[in-house]
């Protein structure tokens, strides 16, 4: 493959972990670029995959970020991490709301069997949560693929795109997510 088909684009929504996401992707020997979410000219189709980072913002804010999700998910496989997952779900008809209490710390995944994103990931794998909002409901065309004891939708797949689209409410890039690098590799 040519270098242009090997690039991963990380769209930065202001997450404190964006640089760490890039580091983990590079540890997999994959070239990646970080660009702000509002980059004016980008050819999404020139990337092998696209990752949407987390953010300190809420998808429910009046001044929330606006992005053409359809252009992204129709161009390359897409992974939304935390805010990125919430944003995709919200734009595509899901319901995201403030959590009754901020979800921060260790959790253990309950995984849907046979899902490619979970290849070589054990049931109960430890992950790291850090978010104030949570996905309460997914819109039409979504499938829940992972949960925790306190989060019914910790991972999902969007089925109405030509490429795989996943959303996860945990941070695979931090070492507290014990199989996080494998999740990124599977993606």
N, C-alpha and C. Protein backbone atom coordinates (compact mmCIF):
# COMPACT_ATOMS: atom_id res chain seq x y z
N UNK A 1 0.83 -1.19 0.00
CA UNK A 1 0.00 0.00 0.00
C UNK A 1 0.87 1.24 0.00
N UNK A 2 0.36 2.30 -0.57
CA UNK A 2 1.10 3.55 -0.56
C UNK A 2 0.95 4.22 0.80
N UNK A 3 1.83 5.15 1.06
CA UNK A 3 1.81 5.84 2.35
C UNK A 3 0.47 6.53 2.60
N UNK A 4 -0.18 7.08 1.59
CA UNK A 4 -1.43 7.78 1.81
C UNK A 4 -2.53 6.85 2.30
N UNK A 5 -2.48 5.58 1.96
CA UNK A 5 -3.50 4.67 2.47
C UNK A 5 -3.15 4.15 3.85
N UNK A 6 -1.97 4.47 4.34
CA UNK A 6 -1.54 4.01 5.66
C UNK A 6 -1.71 5.07 6.75
N UNK A 7 -2.14 6.25 6.40
CA UNK A 7 -2.26 7.34 7.38
C UNK A 7 -3.56 7.22 8.17
N UNK A 8 -3.46 7.53 9.46
CA UNK A 8 -4.63 7.64 10.32
C UNK A 8 -4.76 9.11 10.71
N UNK A 9 -5.97 9.61 10.62
CA UNK A 9 -6.26 10.99 11.01
C UNK A 9 -6.90 10.98 12.39
N UNK A 10 -6.35 11.78 13.29
CA UNK A 10 -6.97 11.99 14.59
C UNK A 10 -7.52 13.41 14.60
N UNK A 11 -8.83 13.52 14.73
CA UNK A 11 -9.46 14.84 14.84
C UNK A 11 -9.54 15.20 16.32
N UNK A 12 -8.90 16.29 16.67
CA UNK A 12 -8.77 16.71 18.06
C UNK A 12 -9.90 17.64 18.47
N UNK A 13 -10.67 17.21 19.46
CA UNK A 13 -11.74 18.02 20.04
C UNK A 13 -11.30 18.70 21.33
N UNK A 14 -9.99 18.71 21.60
CA UNK A 14 -9.48 19.37 22.79
C UNK A 14 -9.20 18.43 23.94
N UNK A 15 -9.12 17.16 23.69
CA UNK A 15 -8.86 16.18 24.75
C UNK A 15 -7.46 16.32 25.32
N UNK A 16 -7.33 16.10 26.60
CA UNK A 16 -6.01 16.07 27.21
C UNK A 16 -5.22 14.84 26.77
N UNK A 17 -5.90 13.86 26.16
CA UNK A 17 -5.26 12.60 25.78
C UNK A 17 -4.96 12.48 24.28
N UNK A 18 -5.21 13.51 23.48
CA UNK A 18 -5.04 13.39 22.04
C UNK A 18 -3.62 12.98 21.65
N UNK A 19 -2.62 13.61 22.25
CA UNK A 19 -1.23 13.25 21.94
C UNK A 19 -0.94 11.81 22.32
N UNK A 20 -1.56 11.33 23.39
CA UNK A 20 -1.36 9.95 23.81
C UNK A 20 -2.03 8.98 22.84
N UNK A 21 -3.17 9.34 22.29
CA UNK A 21 -3.80 8.50 21.26
C UNK A 21 -2.82 8.35 20.10
N UNK A 22 -2.25 9.45 19.66
CA UNK A 22 -1.29 9.41 18.54
C UNK A 22 -0.08 8.55 18.89
N UNK A 23 0.41 8.69 20.09
CA UNK A 23 1.57 7.88 20.51
C UNK A 23 1.24 6.39 20.42
N UNK A 24 0.08 6.01 20.91
CA UNK A 24 -0.30 4.58 20.89
C UNK A 24 -0.47 4.08 19.45
N UNK A 25 -1.06 4.89 18.59
CA UNK A 25 -1.20 4.50 17.18
C UNK A 25 0.18 4.32 16.57
N UNK A 26 1.09 5.22 16.87
CA UNK A 26 2.46 5.12 16.34
C UNK A 26 3.20 3.91 16.90
N UNK A 27 2.89 3.52 18.13
CA UNK A 27 3.48 2.29 18.70
C UNK A 27 3.08 1.06 17.90
N UNK A 28 1.99 1.17 17.16
CA UNK A 28 1.54 0.07 16.29
C UNK A 28 2.18 0.17 14.90
N UNK A 29 3.16 1.07 14.77
CA UNK A 29 3.88 1.32 13.51
C UNK A 29 2.94 1.83 12.42
N UNK A 30 2.02 2.68 12.82
CA UNK A 30 1.08 3.30 11.89
C UNK A 30 1.28 4.81 11.96
N UNK A 31 1.46 5.42 10.81
CA UNK A 31 1.63 6.86 10.73
C UNK A 31 0.29 7.54 11.01
N UNK A 32 0.33 8.59 11.83
CA UNK A 32 -0.92 9.32 12.07
C UNK A 32 -0.65 10.81 12.14
N UNK A 33 -1.69 11.55 11.87
CA UNK A 33 -1.64 13.01 11.94
C UNK A 33 -2.74 13.48 12.88
N UNK A 34 -2.45 14.52 13.64
CA UNK A 34 -3.45 15.16 14.49
C UNK A 34 -3.81 16.48 13.84
N UNK A 35 -5.10 16.71 13.67
CA UNK A 35 -5.59 17.99 13.17
C UNK A 35 -6.74 18.45 14.05
N UNK A 36 -6.93 19.76 14.19
CA UNK A 36 -8.10 20.22 14.94
C UNK A 36 -9.37 19.79 14.22
N UNK A 37 -10.43 19.58 14.97
CA UNK A 37 -11.69 19.10 14.40
C UNK A 37 -12.21 20.02 13.31
N UNK A 38 -11.88 21.29 13.39
CA UNK A 38 -12.43 22.26 12.44
C UNK A 38 -11.48 22.58 11.29
N UNK A 39 -10.58 21.67 10.99
CA UNK A 39 -9.69 21.87 9.84
C UNK A 39 -10.55 22.13 8.61
N UNK A 40 -10.21 23.16 7.86
CA UNK A 40 -11.08 23.58 6.77
C UNK A 40 -11.01 22.69 5.54
N UNK A 41 -9.83 22.28 5.16
CA UNK A 41 -9.71 21.44 3.96
C UNK A 41 -9.03 20.14 4.33
N UNK A 42 -9.77 19.08 4.23
CA UNK A 42 -9.21 17.77 4.50
C UNK A 42 -9.92 16.77 3.59
N UNK A 43 -9.12 15.88 3.02
CA UNK A 43 -9.66 14.81 2.20
C UNK A 43 -9.74 13.56 3.07
N UNK A 44 -10.88 13.34 3.69
CA UNK A 44 -11.03 12.21 4.60
C UNK A 44 -10.72 10.89 3.91
N UNK A 45 -10.99 10.82 2.62
CA UNK A 45 -10.78 9.57 1.89
C UNK A 45 -9.29 9.23 1.73
N UNK A 46 -8.41 10.18 1.99
CA UNK A 46 -6.97 9.92 1.86
C UNK A 46 -6.41 9.21 3.09
N UNK A 47 -7.26 8.94 4.09
CA UNK A 47 -6.82 8.29 5.32
C UNK A 47 -7.36 6.87 5.39
N UNK A 48 -6.55 6.01 5.96
CA UNK A 48 -6.93 4.61 6.14
C UNK A 48 -8.00 4.49 7.24
N UNK A 49 -7.93 5.39 8.23
CA UNK A 49 -8.89 5.39 9.33
C UNK A 49 -8.92 6.77 9.97
N UNK A 50 -10.00 7.04 10.70
CA UNK A 50 -10.17 8.33 11.36
C UNK A 50 -10.57 8.06 12.82
N UNK A 51 -9.92 8.78 13.73
CA UNK A 51 -10.23 8.68 15.15
C UNK A 51 -10.71 10.05 15.62
N UNK A 52 -11.84 10.08 16.32
CA UNK A 52 -12.36 11.31 16.92
C UNK A 52 -12.01 11.27 18.40
N UNK A 53 -11.30 12.28 18.87
CA UNK A 53 -10.81 12.28 20.25
C UNK A 53 -11.91 12.62 21.25
N UNK A 54 -11.52 12.60 22.50
CA UNK A 54 -12.39 13.08 23.56
C UNK A 54 -12.38 14.60 23.60
N UNK A 55 -13.06 15.16 24.59
CA UNK A 55 -13.15 16.61 24.71
C UNK A 55 -13.62 16.97 26.12
N UNK A 56 -13.23 18.15 26.60
CA UNK A 56 -13.79 18.62 27.87
C UNK A 56 -15.21 19.17 27.68
N UNK A 57 -15.66 19.28 26.45
CA UNK A 57 -16.99 19.83 26.14
C UNK A 57 -18.08 18.76 26.28
N UNK A 58 -19.30 19.22 26.19
CA UNK A 58 -20.46 18.34 26.20
C UNK A 58 -21.19 18.46 24.86
N UNK A 59 -21.69 17.36 24.34
CA UNK A 59 -22.48 17.43 23.10
C UNK A 59 -23.79 18.18 23.33
N UNK A 60 -24.14 18.41 24.57
CA UNK A 60 -25.38 19.12 24.89
C UNK A 60 -25.19 20.63 25.06
N UNK A 61 -23.95 21.11 24.96
CA UNK A 61 -23.69 22.55 25.06
C UNK A 61 -24.28 23.28 23.85
N UNK A 62 -24.81 24.46 24.09
CA UNK A 62 -25.34 25.27 22.98
C UNK A 62 -24.26 25.63 21.99
N UNK A 63 -23.04 25.78 22.45
CA UNK A 63 -21.92 26.17 21.58
C UNK A 63 -21.10 24.95 21.16
N UNK A 64 -21.74 23.81 21.10
CA UNK A 64 -21.02 22.58 20.81
C UNK A 64 -20.35 22.60 19.44
N UNK A 65 -19.44 21.72 19.29
CA UNK A 65 -18.69 21.54 18.06
C UNK A 65 -19.62 21.00 16.98
N UNK A 66 -19.43 21.47 15.75
CA UNK A 66 -20.20 20.95 14.61
C UNK A 66 -19.25 20.37 13.59
N UNK A 67 -19.57 19.18 13.12
CA UNK A 67 -18.70 18.43 12.22
C UNK A 67 -19.59 17.62 11.28
N UNK A 68 -19.15 17.42 10.06
CA UNK A 68 -19.91 16.64 9.10
C UNK A 68 -19.60 15.15 9.29
N UNK A 69 -20.34 14.51 10.19
CA UNK A 69 -20.12 13.09 10.50
C UNK A 69 -20.34 12.23 9.27
N UNK A 70 -21.33 12.54 8.46
CA UNK A 70 -21.59 11.73 7.27
C UNK A 70 -20.39 11.70 6.34
N UNK A 71 -19.73 12.84 6.16
CA UNK A 71 -18.54 12.88 5.30
C UNK A 71 -17.42 12.01 5.86
N UNK A 72 -17.31 11.97 7.17
CA UNK A 72 -16.26 11.17 7.81
C UNK A 72 -16.56 9.69 7.69
N UNK A 73 -17.73 9.25 8.16
CA UNK A 73 -18.02 7.82 8.21
C UNK A 73 -18.22 7.21 6.83
N UNK A 74 -18.44 8.04 5.83
CA UNK A 74 -18.55 7.50 4.47
C UNK A 74 -17.20 7.49 3.75
N UNK A 75 -16.14 7.93 4.44
CA UNK A 75 -14.81 8.01 3.82
C UNK A 75 -13.82 6.97 4.32
N UNK A 76 -13.95 6.55 5.58
CA UNK A 76 -12.96 5.64 6.17
C UNK A 76 -13.52 5.03 7.44
N UNK A 77 -12.95 3.90 7.90
CA UNK A 77 -13.32 3.37 9.21
C UNK A 77 -13.13 4.46 10.26
N UNK A 78 -14.04 4.54 11.21
CA UNK A 78 -14.04 5.62 12.18
C UNK A 78 -14.18 5.07 13.59
N UNK A 79 -13.39 5.63 14.52
CA UNK A 79 -13.47 5.28 15.93
C UNK A 79 -13.68 6.56 16.72
N UNK A 80 -14.79 6.64 17.45
CA UNK A 80 -15.03 7.75 18.36
C UNK A 80 -14.64 7.33 19.77
N UNK A 81 -13.80 8.12 20.41
CA UNK A 81 -13.37 7.84 21.78
C UNK A 81 -14.01 8.87 22.70
N UNK A 82 -14.76 8.42 23.68
CA UNK A 82 -15.41 9.25 24.69
C UNK A 82 -16.29 10.32 24.03
N UNK A 83 -15.88 11.59 24.02
CA UNK A 83 -16.67 12.63 23.38
C UNK A 83 -16.94 12.28 21.91
N UNK A 84 -15.93 11.77 21.22
CA UNK A 84 -16.11 11.39 19.81
C UNK A 84 -17.23 10.38 19.65
N UNK A 85 -17.31 9.41 20.56
CA UNK A 85 -18.38 8.41 20.53
C UNK A 85 -19.73 9.05 20.84
N UNK A 86 -19.75 9.94 21.82
CA UNK A 86 -20.98 10.61 22.18
C UNK A 86 -21.48 11.50 21.04
N UNK A 87 -20.54 12.17 20.37
CA UNK A 87 -20.91 13.05 19.27
C UNK A 87 -21.53 12.26 18.12
N UNK A 88 -20.91 11.17 17.72
CA UNK A 88 -21.47 10.34 16.64
C UNK A 88 -22.87 9.87 17.02
N UNK A 89 -23.01 9.34 18.24
CA UNK A 89 -24.32 8.83 18.68
C UNK A 89 -25.36 9.94 18.67
N UNK A 90 -25.00 11.11 19.18
CA UNK A 90 -25.94 12.22 19.26
C UNK A 90 -26.37 12.69 17.87
N UNK A 91 -25.41 12.89 16.98
CA UNK A 91 -25.73 13.37 15.63
C UNK A 91 -26.60 12.37 14.88
N UNK A 92 -26.40 11.08 15.15
CA UNK A 92 -27.12 10.03 14.43
C UNK A 92 -28.39 9.58 15.16
N UNK A 93 -28.91 10.39 16.07
CA UNK A 93 -30.22 10.13 16.65
C UNK A 93 -30.22 9.50 18.03
N UNK A 94 -29.07 9.35 18.64
CA UNK A 94 -29.01 8.81 19.99
C UNK A 94 -29.29 9.90 21.02
N UNK A 95 -29.24 9.50 22.29
CA UNK A 95 -29.49 10.44 23.37
C UNK A 95 -28.31 10.41 24.34
N UNK A 96 -27.66 11.56 24.49
CA UNK A 96 -26.53 11.73 25.41
C UNK A 96 -26.96 12.71 26.48
N UNK A 97 -26.71 12.38 27.75
CA UNK A 97 -27.12 13.24 28.84
C UNK A 97 -26.04 13.24 29.92
N UNK A 98 -26.09 14.25 30.79
CA UNK A 98 -25.14 14.24 31.91
C UNK A 98 -25.34 12.99 32.77
N UNK A 99 -24.23 12.42 33.20
CA UNK A 99 -24.30 11.25 34.09
C UNK A 99 -24.78 11.72 35.45
N UNK A 100 -25.43 10.82 36.18
CA UNK A 100 -25.88 11.17 37.52
C UNK A 100 -24.69 11.48 38.42
N UNK A 101 -23.56 10.81 38.13
CA UNK A 101 -22.29 11.16 38.78
C UNK A 101 -21.19 11.00 37.75
N UNK A 102 -20.18 11.83 37.84
CA UNK A 102 -19.08 11.78 36.88
C UNK A 102 -18.45 10.39 36.91
N UNK A 103 -18.29 9.80 35.73
CA UNK A 103 -17.73 8.47 35.63
C UNK A 103 -16.23 8.59 35.39
N UNK A 104 -15.47 8.27 36.41
CA UNK A 104 -14.03 8.43 36.36
C UNK A 104 -13.38 7.25 37.09
N UNK A 105 -12.49 6.58 36.40
CA UNK A 105 -11.77 5.50 37.04
C UNK A 105 -11.92 4.18 36.32
N UNK A 106 -11.54 3.13 37.03
CA UNK A 106 -11.52 1.78 36.45
C UNK A 106 -12.93 1.22 36.30
N UNK A 107 -13.10 0.46 35.24
CA UNK A 107 -14.33 -0.28 35.01
C UNK A 107 -13.93 -1.57 34.28
N UNK A 108 -14.87 -2.50 34.21
CA UNK A 108 -14.60 -3.78 33.54
C UNK A 108 -15.64 -4.01 32.45
N UNK A 109 -15.13 -4.34 31.26
CA UNK A 109 -15.99 -4.48 30.09
C UNK A 109 -16.71 -5.83 30.03
N UNK A 110 -17.97 -5.76 29.68
CA UNK A 110 -18.74 -6.93 29.29
C UNK A 110 -18.88 -6.81 27.78
N UNK A 111 -18.35 -7.77 27.04
CA UNK A 111 -18.21 -7.66 25.59
C UNK A 111 -19.17 -8.54 24.82
N UNK A 112 -19.64 -8.04 23.68
CA UNK A 112 -20.42 -8.87 22.75
C UNK A 112 -19.46 -9.83 22.08
N UNK A 113 -19.82 -11.09 22.06
CA UNK A 113 -18.92 -12.07 21.45
C UNK A 113 -18.93 -11.95 19.94
N UNK A 114 -17.80 -12.25 19.34
CA UNK A 114 -17.68 -12.25 17.90
C UNK A 114 -17.44 -10.89 17.28
N UNK A 115 -17.37 -9.85 18.07
CA UNK A 115 -17.15 -8.51 17.54
C UNK A 115 -15.67 -8.30 17.26
N UNK A 116 -15.34 -7.88 16.03
CA UNK A 116 -13.94 -7.74 15.62
C UNK A 116 -13.16 -6.76 16.49
N UNK A 117 -13.81 -5.71 16.98
CA UNK A 117 -13.11 -4.74 17.82
C UNK A 117 -12.58 -5.38 19.10
N UNK A 118 -13.21 -6.47 19.53
CA UNK A 118 -12.83 -7.12 20.79
C UNK A 118 -11.94 -8.36 20.57
N UNK A 119 -11.42 -8.57 19.38
CA UNK A 119 -10.54 -9.72 19.13
C UNK A 119 -9.37 -9.70 20.12
N UNK A 120 -9.12 -10.82 20.77
CA UNK A 120 -8.04 -10.99 21.76
C UNK A 120 -8.21 -10.12 23.00
N UNK A 121 -9.44 -9.71 23.29
CA UNK A 121 -9.77 -8.97 24.51
C UNK A 121 -10.62 -9.89 25.38
N UNK A 122 -10.23 -10.06 26.63
CA UNK A 122 -10.96 -10.94 27.55
C UNK A 122 -12.19 -10.24 28.12
N UNK A 123 -13.24 -11.03 28.37
CA UNK A 123 -14.38 -10.52 29.12
C UNK A 123 -13.87 -9.95 30.44
N UNK A 124 -14.41 -8.83 30.84
CA UNK A 124 -14.01 -8.22 32.11
C UNK A 124 -12.74 -7.41 32.02
N UNK A 125 -12.22 -7.19 30.83
CA UNK A 125 -10.99 -6.42 30.67
C UNK A 125 -11.15 -5.05 31.33
N UNK A 126 -10.13 -4.62 32.03
CA UNK A 126 -10.16 -3.34 32.72
C UNK A 126 -9.96 -2.19 31.74
N UNK A 127 -10.82 -1.16 31.85
CA UNK A 127 -10.71 0.04 31.04
C UNK A 127 -10.78 1.26 31.95
N UNK A 128 -10.42 2.41 31.40
CA UNK A 128 -10.42 3.65 32.16
C UNK A 128 -11.49 4.61 31.62
N UNK A 129 -12.38 5.03 32.52
CA UNK A 129 -13.45 5.96 32.18
C UNK A 129 -13.08 7.36 32.66
N UNK A 130 -13.48 8.37 31.89
CA UNK A 130 -13.30 9.75 32.30
C UNK A 130 -14.27 10.62 31.51
N UNK A 131 -15.52 10.68 31.98
CA UNK A 131 -16.52 11.50 31.28
C UNK A 131 -17.65 11.90 32.21
N UNK A 132 -18.23 13.06 31.91
CA UNK A 132 -19.35 13.58 32.69
C UNK A 132 -20.69 13.28 32.03
N UNK A 133 -20.68 13.08 30.70
CA UNK A 133 -21.89 12.72 29.96
C UNK A 133 -21.83 11.23 29.63
N UNK A 134 -22.99 10.67 29.34
CA UNK A 134 -23.04 9.27 28.95
C UNK A 134 -24.10 9.06 27.86
N UNK A 135 -23.91 8.04 27.08
CA UNK A 135 -24.88 7.69 26.04
C UNK A 135 -25.99 6.87 26.69
N UNK A 136 -27.20 7.42 26.69
CA UNK A 136 -28.34 6.73 27.31
C UNK A 136 -29.08 5.85 26.32
N UNK A 137 -29.06 6.27 25.05
CA UNK A 137 -29.81 5.54 24.03
C UNK A 137 -29.12 5.75 22.69
N UNK A 138 -29.10 4.70 21.89
CA UNK A 138 -28.54 4.78 20.55
C UNK A 138 -29.67 4.94 19.54
N UNK A 139 -29.40 5.65 18.49
CA UNK A 139 -30.39 5.82 17.44
C UNK A 139 -30.51 4.57 16.58
N UNK A 140 -31.34 4.68 15.57
CA UNK A 140 -31.56 3.57 14.64
C UNK A 140 -30.26 3.28 13.89
N UNK A 141 -29.97 2.00 13.72
CA UNK A 141 -28.78 1.60 12.97
C UNK A 141 -27.56 1.36 13.84
N UNK A 142 -27.73 1.43 15.16
CA UNK A 142 -26.64 1.17 16.08
C UNK A 142 -26.81 -0.18 16.76
N UNK A 143 -25.71 -0.73 17.23
CA UNK A 143 -25.73 -1.96 18.01
C UNK A 143 -24.77 -1.79 19.18
N UNK A 144 -25.26 -2.06 20.39
CA UNK A 144 -24.39 -2.03 21.57
C UNK A 144 -23.48 -3.25 21.53
N UNK A 145 -22.17 -3.03 21.71
CA UNK A 145 -21.22 -4.14 21.67
C UNK A 145 -20.42 -4.28 22.97
N UNK A 146 -20.63 -3.35 23.90
CA UNK A 146 -19.92 -3.44 25.17
C UNK A 146 -20.60 -2.61 26.24
N UNK A 147 -20.47 -3.07 27.48
CA UNK A 147 -21.05 -2.35 28.61
C UNK A 147 -20.17 -2.56 29.83
N UNK A 148 -20.47 -1.84 30.89
CA UNK A 148 -19.83 -2.05 32.19
C UNK A 148 -20.95 -2.15 33.21
N UNK A 149 -20.60 -2.36 34.45
CA UNK A 149 -21.64 -2.49 35.49
C UNK A 149 -22.44 -1.20 35.65
N UNK A 150 -21.85 -0.04 35.32
CA UNK A 150 -22.58 1.21 35.48
C UNK A 150 -22.93 1.90 34.16
N UNK A 151 -22.42 1.40 33.04
CA UNK A 151 -22.67 2.03 31.75
C UNK A 151 -23.20 0.99 30.77
N UNK A 152 -24.49 1.04 30.45
CA UNK A 152 -25.05 0.07 29.52
C UNK A 152 -24.48 0.15 28.11
N UNK A 153 -24.01 1.35 27.70
CA UNK A 153 -23.47 1.53 26.35
C UNK A 153 -22.03 2.05 26.48
N UNK A 154 -21.10 1.15 26.72
CA UNK A 154 -19.68 1.51 26.81
C UNK A 154 -19.00 1.35 25.46
N UNK A 155 -19.65 0.64 24.54
CA UNK A 155 -19.13 0.47 23.19
C UNK A 155 -20.28 0.20 22.24
N UNK A 156 -20.18 0.73 21.03
CA UNK A 156 -21.21 0.48 20.04
C UNK A 156 -20.60 0.38 18.65
N UNK A 157 -21.44 -0.12 17.74
CA UNK A 157 -21.10 -0.15 16.32
C UNK A 157 -22.25 0.52 15.57
N UNK A 158 -21.90 1.39 14.62
CA UNK A 158 -22.89 2.03 13.76
C UNK A 158 -22.92 1.24 12.46
N UNK A 159 -24.09 0.77 12.09
CA UNK A 159 -24.22 -0.17 10.99
C UNK A 159 -24.62 0.46 9.66
N UNK A 160 -24.88 1.76 9.62
CA UNK A 160 -25.39 2.39 8.40
C UNK A 160 -24.32 3.21 7.68
N UNK A 161 -23.10 2.72 7.68
CA UNK A 161 -22.01 3.38 6.97
C UNK A 161 -21.28 2.33 6.14
N UNK A 162 -20.62 2.75 5.07
CA UNK A 162 -19.93 1.78 4.22
C UNK A 162 -18.66 1.21 4.85
N UNK A 163 -18.18 1.84 5.92
CA UNK A 163 -16.98 1.39 6.64
C UNK A 163 -17.35 1.12 8.09
N UNK A 164 -16.55 0.34 8.80
CA UNK A 164 -16.83 0.13 10.22
C UNK A 164 -16.78 1.45 11.00
N UNK A 165 -17.75 1.65 11.86
CA UNK A 165 -17.80 2.83 12.72
C UNK A 165 -18.05 2.34 14.14
N UNK A 166 -17.12 2.67 15.03
CA UNK A 166 -17.22 2.25 16.43
C UNK A 166 -17.18 3.46 17.34
N UNK A 167 -17.82 3.35 18.48
CA UNK A 167 -17.73 4.35 19.53
C UNK A 167 -17.47 3.64 20.84
N UNK A 168 -16.53 4.19 21.61
CA UNK A 168 -16.23 3.63 22.93
C UNK A 168 -16.19 4.77 23.94
N UNK A 169 -16.77 4.55 25.11
CA UNK A 169 -16.81 5.60 26.14
C UNK A 169 -15.65 5.49 27.11
N UNK A 170 -14.70 4.64 26.83
CA UNK A 170 -13.51 4.54 27.67
C UNK A 170 -12.30 5.00 26.86
N UNK A 171 -11.18 5.12 27.54
CA UNK A 171 -9.96 5.61 26.90
C UNK A 171 -8.97 4.47 26.69
N UNK A 172 -8.86 3.95 25.45
CA UNK A 172 -7.94 2.84 25.19
C UNK A 172 -6.48 3.27 25.20
N UNK A 173 -6.24 4.57 25.09
CA UNK A 173 -4.86 5.06 24.98
C UNK A 173 -4.11 5.11 26.30
N UNK A 174 -4.81 5.05 27.43
CA UNK A 174 -4.14 5.13 28.73
C UNK A 174 -3.77 3.73 29.21
N UNK A 175 -2.71 3.64 30.00
CA UNK A 175 -2.24 2.31 30.45
C UNK A 175 -3.23 1.65 31.40
N UNK A 176 -4.11 2.42 32.02
CA UNK A 176 -5.12 1.83 32.91
C UNK A 176 -6.13 0.97 32.13
N UNK A 177 -6.27 1.21 30.83
CA UNK A 177 -7.06 0.32 29.97
C UNK A 177 -6.10 -0.78 29.52
N UNK A 178 -6.14 -1.89 30.23
CA UNK A 178 -5.09 -2.90 30.09
C UNK A 178 -4.97 -3.48 28.69
N UNK A 179 -6.06 -3.57 27.96
CA UNK A 179 -6.02 -4.08 26.59
C UNK A 179 -6.28 -2.97 25.56
N UNK A 180 -6.04 -1.73 25.96
CA UNK A 180 -6.33 -0.59 25.10
C UNK A 180 -5.55 -0.59 23.80
N UNK A 181 -4.28 -0.95 23.87
CA UNK A 181 -3.47 -1.00 22.65
C UNK A 181 -4.02 -2.05 21.69
N UNK A 182 -4.50 -3.17 22.23
CA UNK A 182 -5.10 -4.21 21.39
C UNK A 182 -6.39 -3.71 20.75
N UNK A 183 -7.18 -2.92 21.48
CA UNK A 183 -8.40 -2.35 20.91
C UNK A 183 -8.03 -1.45 19.73
N UNK A 184 -7.02 -0.59 19.92
CA UNK A 184 -6.59 0.29 18.82
C UNK A 184 -6.06 -0.53 17.65
N UNK A 185 -5.32 -1.58 17.94
CA UNK A 185 -4.79 -2.45 16.89
C UNK A 185 -5.93 -3.13 16.13
N UNK A 186 -6.93 -3.60 16.85
CA UNK A 186 -8.08 -4.24 16.20
C UNK A 186 -8.82 -3.26 15.30
N UNK A 187 -8.93 -2.03 15.76
CA UNK A 187 -9.59 -1.02 14.94
C UNK A 187 -8.80 -0.79 13.66
